[in-house]
Protein backbone atom coordinates (compact mmCIF):
# COMPACT_ATOMS: atom_id res chain seq x y z
CA UNK A 1 177.99 65.99 150.60
CA UNK A 2 175.62 68.80 152.94
CA UNK A 3 172.51 68.03 153.10
CA UNK A 4 171.95 71.31 150.10
CA UNK A 5 174.14 69.54 147.70
CA UNK A 6 171.96 66.42 148.14
CA UNK A 7 168.73 68.01 148.18
CA UNK A 8 169.89 69.99 145.13
CA UNK A 9 170.94 67.02 143.04
CA UNK A 10 167.70 65.40 143.03
CA UNK A 11 166.43 69.07 141.33
CA UNK A 12 166.10 69.70 137.61
CA UNK A 13 165.18 73.53 137.10
CA UNK A 14 164.62 75.46 134.28
CA UNK A 15 164.43 79.48 134.11
CA UNK A 16 164.11 82.20 132.35
CA UNK A 17 165.64 84.82 129.86
CA UNK A 18 168.80 83.82 127.04
CA UNK A 19 171.77 84.72 129.53
CA UNK A 20 172.41 83.55 133.40
CA UNK A 21 171.57 86.97 135.41
CA UNK A 22 172.75 88.13 138.38
CA UNK A 23 170.01 86.38 139.89
CA UNK A 24 169.85 82.79 138.27
CA UNK A 25 173.75 82.87 139.01
CA UNK A 26 172.51 83.19 142.33
CA UNK A 27 169.98 80.97 142.46
CA UNK A 28 172.41 77.92 141.09
CA UNK A 29 174.51 78.60 143.52
CA UNK A 30 172.23 78.02 146.77
CA UNK A 31 169.79 75.44 144.70
CA UNK A 32 172.77 73.55 144.00
CA UNK A 33 170.52 71.68 141.04
CA UNK A 34 171.75 68.03 139.19
CA UNK A 35 170.07 69.41 136.05
CA UNK A 36 168.82 72.06 133.93
CA UNK A 37 166.21 71.92 131.36
CA UNK A 38 166.16 74.41 128.46
CA UNK A 39 163.23 75.68 126.97
CA UNK A 40 162.44 77.61 122.97
CA UNK A 41 162.57 80.67 125.64
CA UNK A 42 166.19 80.21 126.18
CA UNK A 43 167.47 79.51 122.23
CA UNK A 44 167.89 82.23 120.25
CA UNK A 45 170.85 80.69 117.44
CA UNK A 46 173.45 78.18 118.01
CA UNK A 47 175.80 80.58 119.01
CA UNK A 48 174.01 82.18 121.50
CA UNK A 49 172.93 78.38 122.73
CA UNK A 50 176.76 77.28 122.92
CA UNK A 51 177.38 80.44 125.19
CA UNK A 52 174.43 79.13 127.25
CA UNK A 53 175.24 76.19 127.78
CA UNK A 54 179.49 76.27 128.55
CA UNK A 55 177.92 79.41 131.18
CA UNK A 56 175.58 76.55 132.93
CA UNK A 57 178.74 74.10 133.05
CA UNK A 58 181.05 77.01 134.51
CA UNK A 59 178.90 78.07 136.80
CA UNK A 60 177.97 74.91 138.66
CA UNK A 61 178.49 74.01 142.19
CA UNK A 62 178.49 70.46 141.10
CA UNK A 63 179.60 69.65 137.63
CA UNK A 64 178.93 67.77 135.70
CA UNK A 65 174.57 69.04 135.06
CA UNK A 66 172.90 67.12 133.08
CA UNK A 67 171.85 69.85 130.16
CA UNK A 68 168.51 68.51 128.80
CA UNK A 69 165.98 69.27 126.27
CA UNK A 70 162.97 68.39 124.55
CA UNK A 71 163.91 67.58 120.96
CA UNK A 72 161.40 65.28 119.86
CA UNK A 73 160.67 66.10 116.72
CA UNK A 74 157.25 67.71 115.06
CA UNK A 75 155.36 69.69 117.24
CA UNK A 76 157.79 69.61 119.98
CA UNK A 77 160.90 70.66 119.44
CA UNK A 78 162.95 73.34 121.05
CA UNK A 79 166.26 74.24 119.05
CA UNK A 80 165.88 77.52 117.01
CA UNK A 81 165.78 77.32 113.77
CA UNK A 82 169.38 76.88 111.96
CA UNK A 83 168.59 73.15 113.88
CA UNK A 84 167.59 70.34 111.76
CA UNK A 85 164.55 69.54 112.95
CA UNK A 86 162.53 66.69 111.83
CA UNK A 87 158.96 65.67 111.69
CA UNK A 88 157.03 63.99 114.21
CA UNK A 89 157.69 60.32 115.57
CA UNK A 90 154.37 59.00 113.71
CA UNK A 91 155.18 60.76 110.41
CA UNK A 92 159.03 58.76 110.60
CA UNK A 93 157.42 55.64 111.43
CA UNK A 94 154.35 55.85 108.85
CA UNK A 95 157.36 56.38 105.85
CA UNK A 96 160.83 55.19 106.94
CA UNK A 97 161.95 51.91 108.53
CA UNK A 98 164.09 52.18 111.73
CA UNK A 99 167.09 52.25 110.46
CA UNK A 100 165.99 56.14 109.42
CA UNK A 101 164.62 57.35 112.63
CA UNK A 102 168.21 55.59 113.73
CA UNK A 103 169.46 58.41 111.60
CA UNK A 104 167.17 60.53 113.10
CA UNK A 105 167.84 60.91 116.06
CA UNK A 106 172.06 60.64 115.00
CA UNK A 107 171.73 63.67 113.60
CA UNK A 108 169.82 65.39 116.71
CA UNK A 109 172.17 64.22 119.10
CA UNK A 110 175.45 65.55 117.07
CA UNK A 111 173.44 68.64 116.52
CA UNK A 112 172.83 68.81 120.43
CA UNK A 113 176.36 68.23 121.29
CA UNK A 114 177.76 70.28 119.77
CA UNK A 115 175.78 73.15 121.36
CA UNK A 116 176.78 71.26 124.74
CA UNK A 117 173.09 70.36 125.84
CA UNK A 118 173.66 65.86 126.48
CA UNK A 119 170.35 64.79 127.51
CA UNK A 120 167.24 64.52 125.19
CA UNK A 121 163.56 64.49 126.73
CA UNK A 122 162.90 61.68 123.74
CA UNK A 123 161.96 59.47 122.91
CA UNK A 124 158.04 59.19 123.24
CA UNK A 125 157.39 55.48 124.70
CA UNK A 126 153.65 56.06 124.85
CA UNK A 127 151.70 53.53 122.85
CA UNK A 128 149.11 56.20 120.88
CA UNK A 129 146.14 53.79 121.55
CA UNK A 130 143.49 56.35 122.01
CA UNK A 131 142.40 58.05 118.88
CA UNK A 132 140.90 60.85 120.70
CA UNK A 133 143.92 61.99 123.32
CA UNK A 134 145.13 65.79 122.98
CA UNK A 135 148.54 65.10 123.91
CA UNK A 136 150.15 62.09 122.39
CA UNK A 137 149.13 61.33 119.01
CA UNK A 138 151.95 62.03 116.37
CA UNK A 139 153.96 62.19 119.03
CA UNK A 140 154.19 58.39 119.31
CA UNK A 141 155.41 55.84 116.96
CA UNK A 142 152.58 54.05 116.68
CA UNK A 143 148.83 52.81 117.81
CA UNK A 144 150.87 49.67 118.56
CA UNK A 145 153.09 48.54 120.86
CA UNK A 146 155.23 46.48 118.58
CA UNK A 147 155.96 49.55 116.27
CA UNK A 148 156.12 51.71 119.11
CA UNK A 149 158.82 49.04 120.78
CA UNK A 150 161.07 49.79 117.26
CA UNK A 151 161.23 52.77 116.65
CA UNK A 152 161.82 53.57 119.68
CA UNK A 153 165.16 51.42 120.86
CA UNK A 154 165.96 52.72 117.30
CA UNK A 155 165.97 56.58 118.82
CA UNK A 156 167.20 55.53 121.82
CA UNK A 157 170.34 53.73 119.99
CA UNK A 158 170.73 56.44 118.13
CA UNK A 159 171.49 58.85 121.06
CA UNK A 160 173.14 56.51 122.68
CA UNK A 161 175.25 56.03 119.90
CA UNK A 162 176.28 59.81 119.48
CA UNK A 163 176.77 60.66 123.01
CA UNK A 164 173.62 62.42 124.13
CA UNK A 165 171.16 60.64 126.94
CA UNK A 166 167.87 59.34 125.82
CA UNK A 167 165.02 59.33 128.63
CA UNK A 168 162.23 57.63 127.36
CA UNK A 169 158.17 58.81 128.34
CA UNK A 170 155.83 58.92 129.61
CA UNK A 171 156.18 55.87 132.37
CA UNK A 172 153.73 53.81 132.43
CA UNK A 173 151.95 55.06 129.17
CA UNK A 174 149.96 58.70 128.66
CA UNK A 175 148.64 56.98 125.15
CA UNK A 176 145.19 55.52 126.21
CA UNK A 177 144.71 59.60 128.22
CA UNK A 178 141.36 61.40 127.29
CA UNK A 179 142.49 64.73 128.65
CA UNK A 180 146.15 66.19 128.65
CA UNK A 181 148.16 66.66 132.33
CA UNK A 182 149.48 70.06 130.87
CA UNK A 183 145.92 71.55 132.56
CA UNK A 184 144.14 68.44 134.66
CA UNK A 185 145.00 64.71 136.10
CA UNK A 186 144.23 62.51 133.58
CA UNK A 187 142.83 59.07 134.31
CA UNK A 188 143.60 55.41 132.40
CA UNK A 189 141.18 52.89 133.67
CA UNK A 190 142.55 50.20 131.38
CA UNK A 191 142.57 46.89 133.60
CA UNK A 192 146.22 45.18 134.65
CA UNK A 193 146.46 42.54 131.54
CA UNK A 194 145.55 45.47 129.01
CA UNK A 195 148.29 48.07 130.53
CA UNK A 196 151.33 45.37 130.83
CA UNK A 197 150.20 44.40 127.05
CA UNK A 198 150.46 47.99 125.00
CA UNK A 199 151.38 50.17 127.76
CA UNK A 200 153.79 49.02 130.08
CA UNK A 201 155.53 46.94 126.70
CA UNK A 202 157.84 49.87 125.16
CA UNK A 203 159.19 50.54 128.52
CA UNK A 204 159.87 46.74 129.42
CA UNK A 205 161.27 46.46 125.99
CA UNK A 206 163.31 49.93 126.72
CA UNK A 207 164.56 49.19 130.34
CA UNK A 208 166.21 45.52 128.56
CA UNK A 209 167.87 47.01 126.47
CA UNK A 210 169.63 49.75 128.93
CA UNK A 211 167.84 52.77 128.86
CA UNK A 212 169.01 55.60 131.12
CA UNK A 213 166.55 58.02 132.57
CA UNK A 214 162.55 56.84 131.99
CA UNK A 215 160.27 60.42 133.13
CA UNK A 216 157.02 59.55 134.94
CA UNK A 217 153.50 60.41 134.03
CA UNK A 218 151.14 62.49 135.86
CA UNK A 219 148.50 60.08 135.37
CA UNK A 220 146.52 58.17 137.72
CA UNK A 221 145.94 54.23 137.55
CA UNK A 222 143.18 52.96 139.65
CA UNK A 223 144.09 48.99 138.41
CA UNK A 224 148.19 49.92 139.50
CA UNK A 225 147.05 52.55 142.29
CA UNK A 226 143.88 53.98 143.30
CA UNK A 227 144.88 57.20 145.19
CA UNK A 228 147.88 57.97 143.50
CA UNK A 229 149.47 59.64 139.75
CA UNK A 230 152.17 57.93 139.07
CA UNK A 231 154.24 60.77 139.47
CA UNK A 232 153.45 60.11 142.92
CA UNK A 233 153.04 57.13 143.81
CA UNK A 234 155.07 53.91 145.16
CA UNK A 235 153.48 50.96 143.81
CA UNK A 236 154.14 52.48 140.32
CA UNK A 237 157.72 53.70 140.97
CA UNK A 238 158.72 51.23 143.37
CA UNK A 239 156.95 48.35 143.16
CA UNK A 240 156.33 48.08 139.31
CA UNK A 241 159.17 50.27 137.42
CA UNK A 242 162.31 49.44 140.10
CA UNK A 243 161.35 45.91 141.47
CA UNK A 244 158.56 44.56 138.84
CA UNK A 245 160.47 45.65 135.51
CA UNK A 246 164.47 45.95 137.28
CA UNK A 247 165.05 49.37 135.88
CA UNK A 248 167.44 50.91 137.72
CA UNK A 249 168.22 53.81 135.51
CA UNK A 250 167.23 57.59 136.81
CA UNK A 251 163.66 57.90 137.21
CA UNK A 252 162.36 62.11 136.52
CA UNK A 253 159.61 63.17 136.94
CA UNK A 254 156.90 64.94 134.66
CA UNK A 255 157.30 68.85 135.25
CA UNK A 256 155.74 69.34 138.74
CA UNK A 257 154.18 72.57 137.78
CA UNK A 258 151.55 70.90 135.58
CA UNK A 259 147.77 71.63 136.46
CA UNK A 260 147.40 67.93 137.23
CA UNK A 261 149.64 68.37 139.95
CA UNK A 262 149.50 71.37 141.44
CA UNK A 263 145.67 71.86 141.02
CA UNK A 264 145.35 68.59 143.98
CA UNK A 265 148.78 69.71 146.25
CA UNK A 266 151.10 72.13 146.32
CA UNK A 267 154.93 71.91 145.14
CA UNK A 268 156.44 71.09 147.89
CA UNK A 269 154.23 68.33 148.90
CA UNK A 270 153.87 66.91 145.75
CA UNK A 271 158.05 67.06 144.97
CA UNK A 272 158.40 65.24 149.04
CA UNK A 273 155.72 62.93 147.62
CA UNK A 274 157.22 61.85 144.19
CA UNK A 275 160.54 61.47 145.68
CA UNK A 276 159.01 59.22 148.42
CA UNK A 277 157.34 57.12 145.67
CA UNK A 278 161.20 56.62 144.19
CA UNK A 279 161.62 59.17 141.89
CA UNK A 280 165.18 60.50 141.52
CA UNK A 281 164.82 64.44 140.27
CA UNK A 282 161.86 66.40 140.84
CA UNK A 283 161.87 68.59 137.49
CA UNK A 284 160.44 72.61 138.20
CA UNK A 285 160.45 73.77 134.79
CA UNK A 286 159.13 77.74 135.42
CA UNK A 287 159.00 79.55 139.04
CA UNK A 288 161.92 79.91 140.60
CA UNK A 289 160.13 80.51 144.04
CA UNK A 290 158.69 77.03 143.22
CA UNK A 291 161.75 75.83 143.16
CA UNK A 292 162.62 77.15 146.44
CA UNK A 293 159.52 75.49 148.14
CA UNK A 294 160.54 72.39 146.95
CA UNK A 295 164.22 72.43 147.97
CA UNK A 296 162.79 73.78 151.88
CA UNK A 297 159.85 71.08 151.81
CA UNK A 298 162.67 68.49 151.45
CA UNK A 299 164.60 69.55 153.75
CA UNK A 300 162.24 69.69 156.51
CA UNK A 301 160.87 66.36 155.40
CA UNK A 302 164.22 65.10 155.75
CA UNK A 303 164.53 67.12 158.99
CA UNK A 304 161.43 65.08 160.60
CA UNK A 305 161.82 61.80 159.25
CA UNK A 306 159.43 61.73 156.57
CA UNK A 307 162.12 60.92 153.95
CA UNK A 308 165.26 59.26 155.06
CA UNK A 309 169.07 60.48 154.00
CA UNK A 310 169.66 56.67 152.79
CA UNK A 311 166.60 57.24 150.83
CA UNK A 312 168.03 59.37 148.63
CA UNK A 313 171.35 58.99 148.80
CA UNK A 314 170.52 56.17 147.04
CA UNK A 315 168.76 58.65 144.19
CA UNK A 316 172.05 61.09 144.01
CA UNK A 317 173.88 57.29 143.53
CA UNK A 318 171.86 57.03 140.87
CA UNK A 319 172.55 60.57 139.24
CA UNK A 320 176.54 60.75 139.80
CA UNK A 321 176.28 57.08 138.12
CA UNK A 322 174.58 57.92 135.03
CA UNK A 323 176.63 61.50 134.95
CA UNK A 324 179.98 59.12 135.14
CA UNK A 325 179.08 56.32 132.42
CA UNK A 326 177.48 59.01 130.01
CA UNK A 327 178.89 62.26 130.50
CA UNK A 328 182.90 63.44 129.50
CA UNK A 329 184.75 66.02 131.94
CA UNK A 330 183.41 69.58 131.20
CA UNK A 331 184.76 71.38 128.14
CA UNK A 332 183.67 74.28 126.85
CA UNK A 333 182.27 73.88 123.36
CA UNK A 334 183.36 76.57 120.87
CA UNK A 335 180.94 78.56 119.64
CA UNK A 336 182.26 79.62 116.14
CA UNK A 337 182.95 75.64 115.72
CA UNK A 338 179.02 74.63 115.57
CA UNK A 339 177.72 76.35 112.37
CA UNK A 340 179.98 73.66 110.84
CA UNK A 341 177.56 70.90 112.61
CA UNK A 342 174.04 72.23 113.07
CA UNK A 343 172.09 72.38 110.21
CA UNK A 344 174.93 69.97 107.75
CA UNK A 345 174.60 69.76 104.13
CA UNK A 346 174.17 66.10 104.89
CA UNK A 347 171.57 66.79 107.46
CA UNK A 348 169.11 68.61 105.72
CA UNK A 349 169.46 65.85 103.00
CA UNK A 350 168.11 63.28 105.68
CA UNK A 351 165.06 66.33 106.87
CA UNK A 352 164.07 65.94 103.07
CA UNK A 353 164.20 62.38 102.85
CA UNK A 354 161.90 62.55 106.09
CA UNK A 355 159.98 64.73 104.90
CA UNK A 356 159.73 63.57 101.44
CA UNK A 357 159.14 59.99 102.19
CA UNK A 358 155.53 58.06 101.50
CA UNK A 359 153.60 56.03 103.38
CA UNK A 360 155.43 52.55 103.59
CA UNK A 361 153.48 50.64 106.27
CA UNK A 362 149.76 50.02 106.17
CA UNK A 363 147.46 51.56 108.63
CA UNK A 364 147.39 50.39 111.74
């Protein structure tokens, strides 16, 4: 494996448009990423999504690629209207038992798989412990760790059982922030005992049950690291996540183009720091030039000895192990057949049941 193949595997990239232009195809060949992330800007209808994912895999230099999406339900849903999009996590948890959360994940997974998407950046394992939180809110399953654990584990199992890789987020917990990491760098001032009992508990349980991937938070936790946000923190990503909690899966960063990161360092420096801290995949969702800067910075860090080949080889090994365990060899999906799964009447019936449910839990 060349240095570029190694570095590329550590990247998950986004791109504009609904098809692969010559510029994007050339960049995929040059960058050689381990994964891509899709947004609403890339998606038109189920048949087009299937054609796009087929093209991505067919042109991937190192197939198969992880093809990821944020399909949480509620406000964070990227798929077009023909797909079955469920209410936000808090609604599901308030009105239905955990079995319903499993069914929601099952349907979501079947529709994702039908169009060639193999990774869902869900569930949210944050505990919505701060009513003033501007970014988590109804994306969380509850305000107590017990509720988040119960429903989060059901969703993880529903995705895994139906062939989709789940990715729990945002480690070590984004629920007690007062600001949005898309715009500024939030700080959680809670002490270590509180973090351990509340924020970390859903992640602890998910890791114990084999969660294959985790996404980091662009949030600073002075009780865990006095200086760096979690995404750039070796005490958090290596000392806590790997060594203390025993996580053996793949660690992805949240989008490195958020202001919480870019207001404080360049995309290249931040990408190197994330890998030094213990991240396995650097996610850069938008600008190709920033993706290029990250590749150059990582390769230069390798040349200077700021990143060791052994360190990156370990990340590549985890990424490969995830793909080998969770992904079957690429077989193109048939765009003409996706309508047999996407929006199936049974799926819509479950959606109606979820939407019409009355609260079954006491207010937390």
